[in-house]
Amino acid sequence: MEKLLRESQGRSFDREFYQKIAGSFNRSSGRAGKPVIKWTEIQNWFETKLQDLPHVPENELTFPKCKEGEMIRDPSELEFEARSSKDGAWYDVDTFLAHRLLSTGEAEVHVRFVGFGAEEDEWVNVKNSVRERSVPFENTECSNLKVGDPVLCFQERRDQAIYYDAHIVEIQRRMHDIRGCRCLILIRYDHDNSEEKVHLRRLCRRTRS
């Protein structure tokens, strides 16, 4: 991936590019028995590397500009995400395979996650664990964030990198530069109440379930 990064010359790639790389990794014999890599993990790696550019002179710094109430959506064929009961994290839904109604009256759907095989299919609760896909924030959207806002955060750990629900606890607003938003955002994960300071590029706007 380092070679691809060097050859990219700073340009961004589309979703299909990241999905192909993730697919190649997951099919390789060297990853047999290891956790499946999501295409969003590949995307985050590339974007993080592109963000880590040399320091920009102060005279090139700019303030973010955004029209009041503006909300930019990234059109995509992946319209839904679902929460896995195995780790509580959210994954893009590739296919809704079936549905059923439980004796309690609650509905469940059988889903296949993007980048995963049939062995990872799950039955999930429609009301609590399925929602419209969260959308990554644009660099200019940090000005719209408020303490208490719900977000979806890309959590990076030594043994995993997945998306969890979180809430914003504190925002340290900083001037932007040509690399984009440099604000630091303190978030608290919903599943374990742990806190972490992250940049905007690791956050997505949550939709209603």
N, C-alpha and C. Protein backbone atom coordinates (compact mmCIF):
# COMPACT_ATOMS: atom_id res chain seq x y z
N MET A 1 0.83 -1.21 0.00
CA MET A 1 0.00 0.00 0.00
C MET A 1 0.86 1.26 0.00
N GLU A 2 2.06 1.14 0.58
CA GLU A 2 2.97 2.29 0.58
C GLU A 2 3.31 2.69 -0.86
N LYS A 3 3.50 1.69 -1.74
CA LYS A 3 3.80 1.98 -3.14
C LYS A 3 2.64 2.69 -3.80
N LEU A 4 1.41 2.22 -3.55
CA LEU A 4 0.23 2.86 -4.13
C LEU A 4 0.09 4.29 -3.63
N LEU A 5 0.43 4.50 -2.35
CA LEU A 5 0.35 5.84 -1.78
C LEU A 5 1.33 6.78 -2.48
N ARG A 6 2.55 6.30 -2.71
CA ARG A 6 3.54 7.14 -3.39
C ARG A 6 3.12 7.47 -4.81
N GLU A 7 2.52 6.48 -5.47
CA GLU A 7 2.10 6.68 -6.86
C GLU A 7 0.85 7.54 -6.98
N SER A 8 0.12 7.68 -5.89
CA SER A 8 -1.13 8.45 -5.94
C SER A 8 -0.89 9.94 -6.11
N GLN A 9 0.28 10.42 -5.68
CA GLN A 9 0.64 11.84 -5.78
C GLN A 9 -0.41 12.73 -5.10
N GLY A 10 -0.96 12.21 -4.00
CA GLY A 10 -1.87 13.01 -3.19
C GLY A 10 -3.32 12.97 -3.61
N ARG A 11 -3.64 12.30 -4.72
CA ARG A 11 -5.03 12.29 -5.16
C ARG A 11 -5.83 11.25 -4.36
N SER A 12 -7.14 11.44 -4.29
CA SER A 12 -8.00 10.52 -3.55
C SER A 12 -8.52 9.45 -4.49
N PHE A 13 -8.99 8.32 -3.90
CA PHE A 13 -9.50 7.21 -4.68
C PHE A 13 -10.98 7.01 -4.38
N ASP A 14 -11.67 6.25 -5.26
CA ASP A 14 -13.08 5.99 -5.04
C ASP A 14 -13.28 4.72 -4.22
N ARG A 15 -14.52 4.46 -3.87
CA ARG A 15 -14.87 3.32 -3.02
C ARG A 15 -14.45 1.98 -3.67
N GLU A 16 -14.61 1.86 -4.98
CA GLU A 16 -14.29 0.61 -5.66
C GLU A 16 -12.81 0.26 -5.51
N PHE A 17 -11.96 1.28 -5.54
CA PHE A 17 -10.52 1.07 -5.38
C PHE A 17 -10.22 0.44 -4.02
N TYR A 18 -10.80 1.02 -2.94
CA TYR A 18 -10.55 0.51 -1.60
C TYR A 18 -11.13 -0.90 -1.42
N GLN A 19 -12.30 -1.16 -2.03
CA GLN A 19 -12.92 -2.47 -1.90
C GLN A 19 -12.08 -3.55 -2.58
N LYS A 20 -11.46 -3.20 -3.72
CA LYS A 20 -10.63 -4.18 -4.42
C LYS A 20 -9.40 -4.54 -3.59
N ILE A 21 -8.79 -3.52 -2.97
CA ILE A 21 -7.62 -3.79 -2.13
C ILE A 21 -8.00 -4.67 -0.94
N ALA A 22 -9.12 -4.32 -0.28
CA ALA A 22 -9.57 -5.10 0.87
C ALA A 22 -9.85 -6.55 0.45
N GLY A 23 -10.48 -6.72 -0.72
CA GLY A 23 -10.77 -8.06 -1.20
C GLY A 23 -9.51 -8.87 -1.45
N SER A 24 -8.48 -8.21 -2.00
CA SER A 24 -7.21 -8.88 -2.27
C SER A 24 -6.55 -9.34 -0.98
N PHE A 25 -6.58 -8.46 0.05
CA PHE A 25 -6.01 -8.83 1.34
C PHE A 25 -6.74 -10.02 1.95
N ASN A 26 -8.07 -9.96 1.93
CA ASN A 26 -8.87 -11.00 2.59
C ASN A 26 -8.76 -12.35 1.90
N ARG A 27 -8.46 -12.34 0.59
CA ARG A 27 -8.34 -13.61 -0.15
C ARG A 27 -6.94 -14.20 -0.09
N SER A 28 -5.98 -13.42 0.40
CA SER A 28 -4.60 -13.89 0.42
C SER A 28 -4.43 -15.01 1.44
N SER A 29 -3.59 -15.98 1.11
CA SER A 29 -3.38 -17.14 1.98
C SER A 29 -2.76 -16.74 3.31
N GLY A 30 -2.01 -15.64 3.32
CA GLY A 30 -1.35 -15.20 4.54
C GLY A 30 -2.29 -14.70 5.61
N ARG A 31 -3.56 -14.42 5.22
CA ARG A 31 -4.53 -13.92 6.20
C ARG A 31 -5.53 -14.99 6.61
N ALA A 32 -5.26 -16.21 6.28
CA ALA A 32 -6.16 -17.30 6.66
C ALA A 32 -6.33 -17.34 8.18
N GLY A 33 -7.58 -17.34 8.63
CA GLY A 33 -7.86 -17.41 10.06
C GLY A 33 -7.80 -16.08 10.77
N LYS A 34 -7.46 -15.00 10.06
CA LYS A 34 -7.37 -13.67 10.67
C LYS A 34 -8.64 -12.87 10.41
N PRO A 35 -8.91 -11.81 11.22
CA PRO A 35 -10.11 -11.00 11.02
C PRO A 35 -10.16 -10.40 9.62
N VAL A 36 -11.37 -10.31 9.08
CA VAL A 36 -11.54 -9.75 7.73
C VAL A 36 -11.30 -8.24 7.76
N ILE A 37 -10.59 -7.73 6.77
CA ILE A 37 -10.31 -6.30 6.67
C ILE A 37 -11.43 -5.62 5.90
N LYS A 38 -11.99 -4.55 6.46
CA LYS A 38 -13.03 -3.77 5.78
C LYS A 38 -12.40 -2.78 4.81
N TRP A 39 -13.13 -2.47 3.75
CA TRP A 39 -12.60 -1.49 2.79
C TRP A 39 -12.45 -0.12 3.44
N THR A 40 -13.29 0.18 4.46
CA THR A 40 -13.19 1.47 5.13
C THR A 40 -11.91 1.60 5.94
N GLU A 41 -11.36 0.46 6.39
CA GLU A 41 -10.08 0.48 7.10
C GLU A 41 -8.96 0.86 6.13
N ILE A 42 -9.04 0.33 4.90
CA ILE A 42 -8.06 0.69 3.87
C ILE A 42 -8.17 2.17 3.54
N GLN A 43 -9.42 2.64 3.40
CA GLN A 43 -9.64 4.06 3.10
C GLN A 43 -9.08 4.95 4.20
N ASN A 44 -9.32 4.57 5.46
CA ASN A 44 -8.83 5.38 6.57
C ASN A 44 -7.30 5.41 6.60
N TRP A 45 -6.66 4.29 6.27
CA TRP A 45 -5.19 4.25 6.24
C TRP A 45 -4.65 5.23 5.22
N PHE A 46 -5.23 5.21 4.01
CA PHE A 46 -4.77 6.11 2.97
C PHE A 46 -5.00 7.57 3.37
N GLU A 47 -6.19 7.87 3.91
CA GLU A 47 -6.50 9.26 4.25
C GLU A 47 -5.63 9.76 5.39
N THR A 48 -5.33 8.86 6.34
CA THR A 48 -4.46 9.25 7.44
C THR A 48 -3.06 9.57 6.93
N LYS A 49 -2.55 8.74 6.03
CA LYS A 49 -1.23 8.97 5.46
C LYS A 49 -1.19 10.28 4.67
N LEU A 50 -2.27 10.56 3.93
CA LEU A 50 -2.30 11.79 3.14
C LEU A 50 -2.39 13.02 4.04
N GLN A 51 -2.99 12.85 5.23
CA GLN A 51 -3.10 13.96 6.17
C GLN A 51 -1.76 14.28 6.80
N ASP A 52 -0.92 13.27 6.93
CA ASP A 52 0.37 13.45 7.61
C ASP A 52 1.41 14.06 6.67
N LEU A 53 1.11 15.23 6.19
CA LEU A 53 2.02 15.95 5.31
C LEU A 53 2.89 16.90 6.12
N PRO A 54 3.95 17.46 5.54
CA PRO A 54 4.80 18.41 6.25
C PRO A 54 4.01 19.59 6.78
N HIS A 55 4.50 20.20 7.85
CA HIS A 55 3.83 21.34 8.46
C HIS A 55 3.62 22.47 7.46
N VAL A 56 2.44 23.07 7.51
CA VAL A 56 2.10 24.15 6.59
C VAL A 56 2.41 25.50 7.22
N PRO A 57 3.06 26.43 6.49
CA PRO A 57 3.35 27.76 7.03
C PRO A 57 2.09 28.46 7.50
N GLU A 58 2.24 29.26 8.55
CA GLU A 58 1.08 29.91 9.17
C GLU A 58 0.34 30.80 8.19
N ASN A 59 1.08 31.41 7.22
CA ASN A 59 0.40 32.31 6.30
C ASN A 59 -0.49 31.58 5.30
N GLU A 60 -0.46 30.24 5.33
CA GLU A 60 -1.31 29.46 4.44
C GLU A 60 -2.53 28.90 5.17
N LEU A 61 -2.64 29.21 6.47
CA LEU A 61 -3.77 28.72 7.24
C LEU A 61 -5.03 29.48 6.87
N THR A 62 -6.15 28.80 6.91
CA THR A 62 -7.43 29.42 6.60
C THR A 62 -8.48 28.97 7.59
N PHE A 63 -9.54 29.77 7.73
CA PHE A 63 -10.66 29.37 8.57
C PHE A 63 -11.64 28.57 7.72
N PRO A 64 -12.28 27.57 8.30
CA PRO A 64 -13.25 26.79 7.53
C PRO A 64 -14.46 27.63 7.17
N LYS A 65 -14.98 27.42 5.98
CA LYS A 65 -16.15 28.15 5.53
C LYS A 65 -17.25 27.16 5.20
N CYS A 66 -18.43 27.45 5.67
CA CYS A 66 -19.55 26.55 5.42
C CYS A 66 -20.84 27.35 5.50
N LYS A 67 -21.71 27.19 4.54
CA LYS A 67 -22.98 27.89 4.56
C LYS A 67 -23.83 27.40 5.72
N GLU A 68 -24.54 28.29 6.34
CA GLU A 68 -25.34 27.93 7.51
C GLU A 68 -26.38 26.89 7.14
N GLY A 69 -26.41 25.83 7.91
CA GLY A 69 -27.38 24.77 7.70
C GLY A 69 -27.02 23.82 6.57
N GLU A 70 -25.85 24.02 5.95
CA GLU A 70 -25.46 23.17 4.83
C GLU A 70 -25.13 21.76 5.30
N MET A 71 -25.62 20.78 4.59
CA MET A 71 -25.35 19.38 4.92
C MET A 71 -25.02 18.64 3.63
N ILE A 72 -23.77 18.20 3.52
CA ILE A 72 -23.33 17.55 2.30
C ILE A 72 -23.43 16.05 2.46
N ARG A 73 -24.07 15.39 1.52
CA ARG A 73 -24.19 13.94 1.59
C ARG A 73 -23.41 13.29 0.46
N ASP A 74 -22.79 12.21 0.76
CA ASP A 74 -22.04 11.46 -0.23
C ASP A 74 -22.94 10.40 -0.82
N PRO A 75 -23.40 10.60 -2.05
CA PRO A 75 -24.31 9.62 -2.64
C PRO A 75 -23.64 8.26 -2.73
N SER A 76 -24.36 7.24 -2.41
CA SER A 76 -23.76 5.90 -2.42
C SER A 76 -24.84 4.86 -2.58
N GLU A 77 -24.46 3.75 -3.19
CA GLU A 77 -25.40 2.65 -3.33
C GLU A 77 -25.53 1.87 -2.01
N LEU A 78 -24.61 2.08 -1.08
CA LEU A 78 -24.69 1.43 0.23
C LEU A 78 -25.53 2.30 1.14
N GLU A 79 -26.79 1.96 1.28
CA GLU A 79 -27.73 2.85 1.95
C GLU A 79 -27.93 2.54 3.42
N PHE A 80 -27.54 1.36 3.88
CA PHE A 80 -27.81 0.98 5.26
C PHE A 80 -26.56 0.42 5.95
N GLU A 81 -26.58 0.52 7.28
CA GLU A 81 -25.55 -0.12 8.09
C GLU A 81 -26.26 -0.85 9.22
N ALA A 82 -25.60 -1.87 9.74
CA ALA A 82 -26.21 -2.67 10.80
C ALA A 82 -25.18 -2.93 11.90
N ARG A 83 -25.68 -3.06 13.12
CA ARG A 83 -24.81 -3.31 14.27
C ARG A 83 -24.69 -4.81 14.52
N SER A 84 -23.45 -5.27 14.55
CA SER A 84 -23.21 -6.68 14.79
C SER A 84 -23.39 -7.01 16.27
N SER A 85 -24.02 -8.14 16.54
CA SER A 85 -24.20 -8.58 17.94
C SER A 85 -22.91 -9.17 18.49
N LYS A 86 -21.94 -9.44 17.62
CA LYS A 86 -20.69 -10.06 18.05
C LYS A 86 -19.76 -9.07 18.74
N ASP A 87 -19.69 -7.84 18.22
CA ASP A 87 -18.78 -6.85 18.81
C ASP A 87 -19.42 -5.49 19.05
N GLY A 88 -20.71 -5.34 18.69
CA GLY A 88 -21.40 -4.07 18.92
C GLY A 88 -21.02 -2.97 17.95
N ALA A 89 -20.19 -3.30 16.95
CA ALA A 89 -19.76 -2.30 15.98
C ALA A 89 -20.71 -2.27 14.79
N TRP A 90 -20.63 -1.17 14.02
CA TRP A 90 -21.50 -0.98 12.86
C TRP A 90 -20.75 -1.27 11.57
N TYR A 91 -21.44 -1.97 10.65
CA TYR A 91 -20.85 -2.33 9.36
C TYR A 91 -21.84 -2.01 8.24
N ASP A 92 -21.31 -1.66 7.06
CA ASP A 92 -22.18 -1.42 5.92
C ASP A 92 -22.87 -2.71 5.51
N VAL A 93 -24.15 -2.60 5.16
CA VAL A 93 -24.92 -3.76 4.73
C VAL A 93 -24.77 -3.95 3.22
N ASP A 94 -24.40 -5.15 2.83
CA ASP A 94 -24.31 -5.47 1.41
C ASP A 94 -25.66 -5.95 0.89
N THR A 95 -26.28 -6.89 1.63
CA THR A 95 -27.54 -7.47 1.18
C THR A 95 -28.43 -7.82 2.36
N PHE A 96 -29.73 -7.57 2.18
CA PHE A 96 -30.73 -8.08 3.12
C PHE A 96 -31.21 -9.42 2.56
N LEU A 97 -30.88 -10.49 3.28
CA LEU A 97 -31.13 -11.83 2.75
C LEU A 97 -32.52 -12.35 3.07
N ALA A 98 -33.05 -12.00 4.22
CA ALA A 98 -34.36 -12.50 4.65
C ALA A 98 -34.85 -11.66 5.82
N HIS A 99 -36.12 -11.88 6.21
CA HIS A 99 -36.65 -11.18 7.37
C HIS A 99 -37.61 -12.13 8.11
N ARG A 100 -37.83 -11.81 9.39
CA ARG A 100 -38.72 -12.64 10.18
C ARG A 100 -39.33 -11.81 11.30
N LEU A 101 -40.45 -12.27 11.82
CA LEU A 101 -41.13 -11.59 12.92
C LEU A 101 -41.08 -12.51 14.14
N LEU A 102 -40.51 -12.01 15.23
CA LEU A 102 -40.38 -12.82 16.44
C LEU A 102 -41.70 -12.89 17.20
N SER A 103 -41.78 -13.79 18.16
CA SER A 103 -42.99 -13.94 18.97
C SER A 103 -43.27 -12.68 19.79
N THR A 104 -42.22 -11.88 20.03
CA THR A 104 -42.37 -10.63 20.78
C THR A 104 -42.95 -9.52 19.92
N GLY A 105 -43.09 -9.78 18.61
CA GLY A 105 -43.61 -8.76 17.71
C GLY A 105 -42.52 -7.94 17.04
N GLU A 106 -41.25 -8.16 17.44
CA GLU A 106 -40.15 -7.40 16.85
C GLU A 106 -39.68 -8.06 15.56
N ALA A 107 -39.26 -7.21 14.62
CA ALA A 107 -38.79 -7.71 13.33
C ALA A 107 -37.28 -7.82 13.29
N GLU A 108 -36.79 -8.84 12.61
CA GLU A 108 -35.36 -9.03 12.40
C GLU A 108 -35.09 -9.24 10.92
N VAL A 109 -33.88 -8.86 10.50
CA VAL A 109 -33.48 -9.11 9.12
C VAL A 109 -32.15 -9.86 9.13
N HIS A 110 -31.98 -10.71 8.12
CA HIS A 110 -30.74 -11.46 7.96
C HIS A 110 -29.88 -10.67 6.99
N VAL A 111 -28.71 -10.21 7.45
CA VAL A 111 -27.89 -9.32 6.63
C VAL A 111 -26.53 -9.93 6.31
N ARG A 112 -26.01 -9.50 5.18
CA ARG A 112 -24.61 -9.80 4.82
C ARG A 112 -23.87 -8.47 4.78
N PHE A 113 -22.75 -8.41 5.48
CA PHE A 113 -21.99 -7.17 5.55
C PHE A 113 -21.02 -7.04 4.38
N VAL A 114 -20.79 -5.81 3.98
CA VAL A 114 -19.85 -5.54 2.89
C VAL A 114 -18.44 -6.01 3.27
N GLY A 115 -17.82 -6.76 2.38
CA GLY A 115 -16.46 -7.23 2.64
C GLY A 115 -16.39 -8.52 3.44
N PHE A 116 -17.55 -9.09 3.81
CA PHE A 116 -17.58 -10.31 4.60
C PHE A 116 -18.31 -11.41 3.84
N GLY A 117 -17.98 -12.65 4.16
CA GLY A 117 -18.62 -13.79 3.51
C GLY A 117 -19.87 -14.25 4.24
N ALA A 118 -20.46 -15.32 3.71
CA ALA A 118 -21.71 -15.85 4.26
C ALA A 118 -21.56 -16.32 5.70
N GLU A 119 -20.34 -16.73 6.08
CA GLU A 119 -20.13 -17.23 7.44
C GLU A 119 -20.28 -16.13 8.49
N GLU A 120 -20.26 -14.88 8.05
CA GLU A 120 -20.41 -13.76 8.98
C GLU A 120 -21.82 -13.15 8.93
N ASP A 121 -22.74 -13.76 8.20
CA ASP A 121 -24.12 -13.25 8.13
C ASP A 121 -24.74 -13.28 9.53
N GLU A 122 -25.63 -12.31 9.79
CA GLU A 122 -26.27 -12.23 11.11
C GLU A 122 -27.74 -11.85 11.00
N TRP A 123 -28.51 -12.31 11.99
CA TRP A 123 -29.86 -11.80 12.19
C TRP A 123 -29.75 -10.60 13.14
N VAL A 124 -30.30 -9.46 12.75
CA VAL A 124 -30.23 -8.26 13.58
C VAL A 124 -31.60 -7.64 13.75
N ASN A 125 -31.78 -6.97 14.87
CA ASN A 125 -33.04 -6.31 15.18
C ASN A 125 -33.21 -5.08 14.30
N VAL A 126 -34.34 -4.98 13.60
CA VAL A 126 -34.56 -3.87 12.67
C VAL A 126 -34.64 -2.53 13.40
N LYS A 127 -35.32 -2.50 14.53
CA LYS A 127 -35.54 -1.24 15.24
C LYS A 127 -34.26 -0.70 15.87
N ASN A 128 -33.47 -1.57 16.47
CA ASN A 128 -32.31 -1.11 17.23
C ASN A 128 -30.96 -1.23 16.52
N SER A 129 -30.91 -2.05 15.47
CA SER A 129 -29.59 -2.35 14.90
C SER A 129 -29.50 -2.16 13.39
N VAL A 130 -30.44 -1.47 12.80
CA VAL A 130 -30.38 -1.15 11.37
C VAL A 130 -30.74 0.32 11.20
N ARG A 131 -29.97 1.02 10.39
CA ARG A 131 -30.26 2.43 10.13
C ARG A 131 -29.65 2.84 8.81
N GLU A 132 -30.04 4.01 8.34
CA GLU A 132 -29.45 4.56 7.14
C GLU A 132 -27.96 4.77 7.36
N ARG A 133 -27.17 4.54 6.33
CA ARG A 133 -25.71 4.57 6.47
C ARG A 133 -25.21 5.93 6.95
N SER A 134 -24.30 5.91 7.91
CA SER A 134 -23.67 7.14 8.40
C SER A 134 -22.74 7.69 7.33
N VAL A 135 -22.60 9.01 7.31
CA VAL A 135 -21.82 9.67 6.26
C VAL A 135 -20.63 10.41 6.86
N PRO A 136 -19.42 10.20 6.32
CA PRO A 136 -18.24 10.91 6.83
C PRO A 136 -18.43 12.42 6.77
N PHE A 137 -17.96 13.12 7.79
CA PHE A 137 -18.05 14.57 7.81
C PHE A 137 -17.09 15.18 6.79
N GLU A 138 -17.54 16.28 6.18
CA GLU A 138 -16.66 17.07 5.33
C GLU A 138 -15.82 17.97 6.23
N ASN A 139 -14.67 18.42 5.71
CA ASN A 139 -13.77 19.28 6.50
C ASN A 139 -14.46 20.54 7.02
N THR A 140 -15.41 21.07 6.24
CA THR A 140 -16.06 22.32 6.63
C THR A 140 -17.17 22.13 7.66
N GLU A 141 -17.54 20.89 7.94
CA GLU A 141 -18.70 20.64 8.79
C GLU A 141 -18.39 20.67 10.28
N CYS A 142 -17.12 20.83 10.65
CA CYS A 142 -16.79 20.85 12.08
C CYS A 142 -17.45 22.03 12.78
N SER A 143 -17.71 23.10 12.04
CA SER A 143 -18.33 24.28 12.65
C SER A 143 -19.77 24.01 13.09
N ASN A 144 -20.36 22.93 12.56
CA ASN A 144 -21.74 22.58 12.92
C ASN A 144 -21.82 21.62 14.10
N LEU A 145 -20.68 21.07 14.52
CA LEU A 145 -20.68 20.11 15.62
C LEU A 145 -20.91 20.79 16.96
N LYS A 146 -21.61 20.08 17.86
CA LYS A 146 -21.88 20.60 19.21
C LYS A 146 -21.61 19.49 20.22
N VAL A 147 -21.30 19.89 21.44
CA VAL A 147 -21.14 18.93 22.53
C VAL A 147 -22.46 18.18 22.72
N GLY A 148 -22.38 16.88 22.83
CA GLY A 148 -23.58 16.06 23.00
C GLY A 148 -24.06 15.42 21.72
N ASP A 149 -23.53 15.87 20.57
CA ASP A 149 -23.95 15.30 19.29
C ASP A 149 -23.57 13.82 19.19
N PRO A 150 -24.48 12.98 18.67
CA PRO A 150 -24.14 11.57 18.44
C PRO A 150 -23.34 11.44 17.15
N VAL A 151 -22.33 10.61 17.16
CA VAL A 151 -21.50 10.39 15.97
C VAL A 151 -21.14 8.91 15.88
N LEU A 152 -20.62 8.52 14.73
CA LEU A 152 -20.06 7.19 14.55
C LEU A 152 -18.55 7.39 14.41
N CYS A 153 -17.77 6.73 15.27
CA CYS A 153 -16.33 6.98 15.31
C CYS A 153 -15.54 5.74 14.89
N PHE A 154 -14.54 5.97 14.05
CA PHE A 154 -13.63 4.91 13.63
C PHE A 154 -12.61 4.69 14.74
N GLN A 155 -12.73 3.55 15.44
CA GLN A 155 -11.85 3.26 16.57
C GLN A 155 -10.69 2.38 16.10
N GLU A 156 -9.48 2.87 16.32
CA GLU A 156 -8.29 2.12 15.93
C GLU A 156 -7.62 1.53 17.16
N ARG A 157 -7.44 0.24 17.15
CA ARG A 157 -6.73 -0.46 18.20
C ARG A 157 -5.68 -1.37 17.56
N ARG A 158 -4.79 -1.90 18.36
CA ARG A 158 -3.72 -2.73 17.83
C ARG A 158 -4.26 -3.96 17.12
N ASP A 159 -5.37 -4.51 17.62
CA ASP A 159 -5.89 -5.74 17.05
C ASP A 159 -7.16 -5.57 16.25
N GLN A 160 -7.67 -4.33 16.12
CA GLN A 160 -8.88 -4.13 15.35
C GLN A 160 -9.05 -2.65 14.98
N ALA A 161 -9.87 -2.41 13.97
CA ALA A 161 -10.20 -1.05 13.56
C ALA A 161 -11.62 -1.08 13.03
N ILE A 162 -12.57 -0.63 13.86
CA ILE A 162 -13.98 -0.72 13.52
C ILE A 162 -14.74 0.52 13.99
N TYR A 163 -16.01 0.61 13.60
CA TYR A 163 -16.82 1.78 13.89
C TYR A 163 -17.76 1.54 15.07
N TYR A 164 -17.75 2.50 16.02
CA TYR A 164 -18.63 2.43 17.19
C TYR A 164 -19.40 3.74 17.35
N ASP A 165 -20.58 3.64 17.93
CA ASP A 165 -21.35 4.83 18.28
C ASP A 165 -20.66 5.58 19.40
N ALA A 166 -20.76 6.90 19.36
CA ALA A 166 -20.14 7.73 20.40
C ALA A 166 -20.88 9.06 20.48
N HIS A 167 -20.54 9.86 21.50
CA HIS A 167 -21.09 11.21 21.65
C HIS A 167 -19.92 12.18 21.86
N ILE A 168 -20.11 13.40 21.39
CA ILE A 168 -19.07 14.41 21.53
C ILE A 168 -19.09 14.99 22.94
N VAL A 169 -17.93 15.02 23.59
CA VAL A 169 -17.81 15.52 24.96
C VAL A 169 -17.21 16.93 24.97
N GLU A 170 -16.25 17.17 24.08
CA GLU A 170 -15.57 18.47 24.06
C GLU A 170 -15.00 18.71 22.66
N ILE A 171 -14.95 19.98 22.25
CA ILE A 171 -14.40 20.33 20.94
C ILE A 171 -13.33 21.40 21.11
N GLN A 172 -12.11 21.10 20.67
CA GLN A 172 -11.03 22.08 20.67
C GLN A 172 -10.89 22.58 19.23
N ARG A 173 -11.47 23.74 18.97
CA ARG A 173 -11.48 24.25 17.60
C ARG A 173 -10.13 24.87 17.26
N ARG A 174 -9.64 24.50 16.09
CA ARG A 174 -8.36 25.00 15.63
C ARG A 174 -8.48 25.51 14.19
N MET A 175 -7.53 26.36 13.82
CA MET A 175 -7.53 26.86 12.45
C MET A 175 -7.24 25.72 11.48
N HIS A 176 -7.91 25.77 10.32
CA HIS A 176 -7.68 24.77 9.29
C HIS A 176 -6.50 25.17 8.42
N ASP A 177 -5.92 24.17 7.74
CA ASP A 177 -4.89 24.47 6.75
C ASP A 177 -5.21 23.66 5.50
N ILE A 178 -4.28 23.58 4.57
CA ILE A 178 -4.58 22.91 3.31
C ILE A 178 -4.80 21.41 3.48
N ARG A 179 -4.44 20.86 4.64
CA ARG A 179 -4.70 19.45 4.90
C ARG A 179 -6.13 19.22 5.34
N GLY A 180 -6.84 20.29 5.70
CA GLY A 180 -8.23 20.16 6.13
C GLY A 180 -8.43 20.54 7.59
N CYS A 181 -9.43 19.94 8.22
CA CYS A 181 -9.79 20.25 9.60
C CYS A 181 -8.70 19.75 10.56
N ARG A 182 -8.28 20.62 11.47
CA ARG A 182 -7.26 20.25 12.46
C ARG A 182 -7.83 20.29 13.88
N CYS A 183 -9.15 20.43 14.00
CA CYS A 183 -9.79 20.48 15.31
C CYS A 183 -9.60 19.13 16.03
N LEU A 184 -9.54 19.19 17.37
CA LEU A 184 -9.47 17.98 18.18
C LEU A 184 -10.81 17.80 18.89
N ILE A 185 -11.36 16.61 18.77
CA ILE A 185 -12.70 16.35 19.31
C ILE A 185 -12.63 15.20 20.31
N LEU A 186 -13.04 15.48 21.54
CA LEU A 186 -13.09 14.45 22.57
C LEU A 186 -14.43 13.74 22.47
N ILE A 187 -14.37 12.42 22.27
CA ILE A 187 -15.62 11.64 22.17
C ILE A 187 -15.66 10.59 23.26
N ARG A 188 -16.87 10.17 23.61
CA ARG A 188 -17.06 9.08 24.57
C ARG A 188 -17.83 7.97 23.87
N TYR A 189 -17.24 6.78 23.81
CA TYR A 189 -17.89 5.65 23.16
C TYR A 189 -19.10 5.20 23.97
N ASP A 190 -20.19 4.89 23.28
CA ASP A 190 -21.41 4.48 23.95
C ASP A 190 -21.30 3.08 24.57
N HIS A 191 -20.52 2.20 23.95
CA HIS A 191 -20.54 0.80 24.39
C HIS A 191 -19.73 0.54 25.66
N ASP A 192 -18.70 1.37 25.93
CA ASP A 192 -17.89 1.13 27.13
C ASP A 192 -17.54 2.41 27.91
N ASN A 193 -18.07 3.56 27.45
CA ASN A 193 -17.85 4.86 28.11
C ASN A 193 -16.38 5.30 28.13
N SER A 194 -15.54 4.67 27.33
CA SER A 194 -14.15 5.14 27.23
C SER A 194 -14.11 6.41 26.38
N GLU A 195 -13.07 7.23 26.59
CA GLU A 195 -12.97 8.50 25.88
C GLU A 195 -11.70 8.53 25.03
N GLU A 196 -11.75 9.33 23.97
CA GLU A 196 -10.60 9.43 23.07
C GLU A 196 -10.68 10.76 22.32
N LYS A 197 -9.52 11.38 22.08
CA LYS A 197 -9.46 12.58 21.26
C LYS A 197 -9.16 12.18 19.83
N VAL A 198 -9.98 12.67 18.91
CA VAL A 198 -9.84 12.28 17.51
C VAL A 198 -9.97 13.51 16.61
N HIS A 199 -9.55 13.35 15.36
CA HIS A 199 -9.75 14.39 14.36
C HIS A 199 -11.06 14.10 13.61
N LEU A 200 -11.56 15.09 12.92
CA LEU A 200 -12.85 14.99 12.24
C LEU A 200 -12.88 13.86 11.23
N ARG A 201 -11.74 13.54 10.62
CA ARG A 201 -11.72 12.52 9.57
C ARG A 201 -12.11 11.14 10.08
N ARG A 202 -12.10 10.95 11.40
CA ARG A 202 -12.48 9.65 11.95
C ARG A 202 -13.96 9.58 12.35
N LEU A 203 -14.70 10.65 12.10
CA LEU A 203 -16.09 10.71 12.52
C LEU A 203 -17.05 10.70 11.34
N CYS A 204 -18.22 10.10 11.58
CA CYS A 204 -19.30 10.09 10.59
C CYS A 204 -20.56 10.63 11.26
N ARG A 205 -21.40 11.26 10.47
CA ARG A 205 -22.68 11.77 10.96
C ARG A 205 -23.66 10.62 11.07
N ARG A 206 -24.17 10.39 12.27
CA ARG A 206 -25.13 9.32 12.47
C ARG A 206 -26.52 9.73 12.02
N THR A 207 -27.24 8.76 11.47
CA THR A 207 -28.63 8.98 11.10
C THR A 207 -29.52 8.31 12.14
N ARG A 208 -30.77 8.58 12.07
CA ARG A 208 -31.69 7.95 13.02
C ARG A 208 -31.88 6.49 12.65
N SER A 209 -31.96 5.65 13.68
CA SER A 209 -32.15 4.22 13.44
C SER A 209 -33.54 3.96 12.87
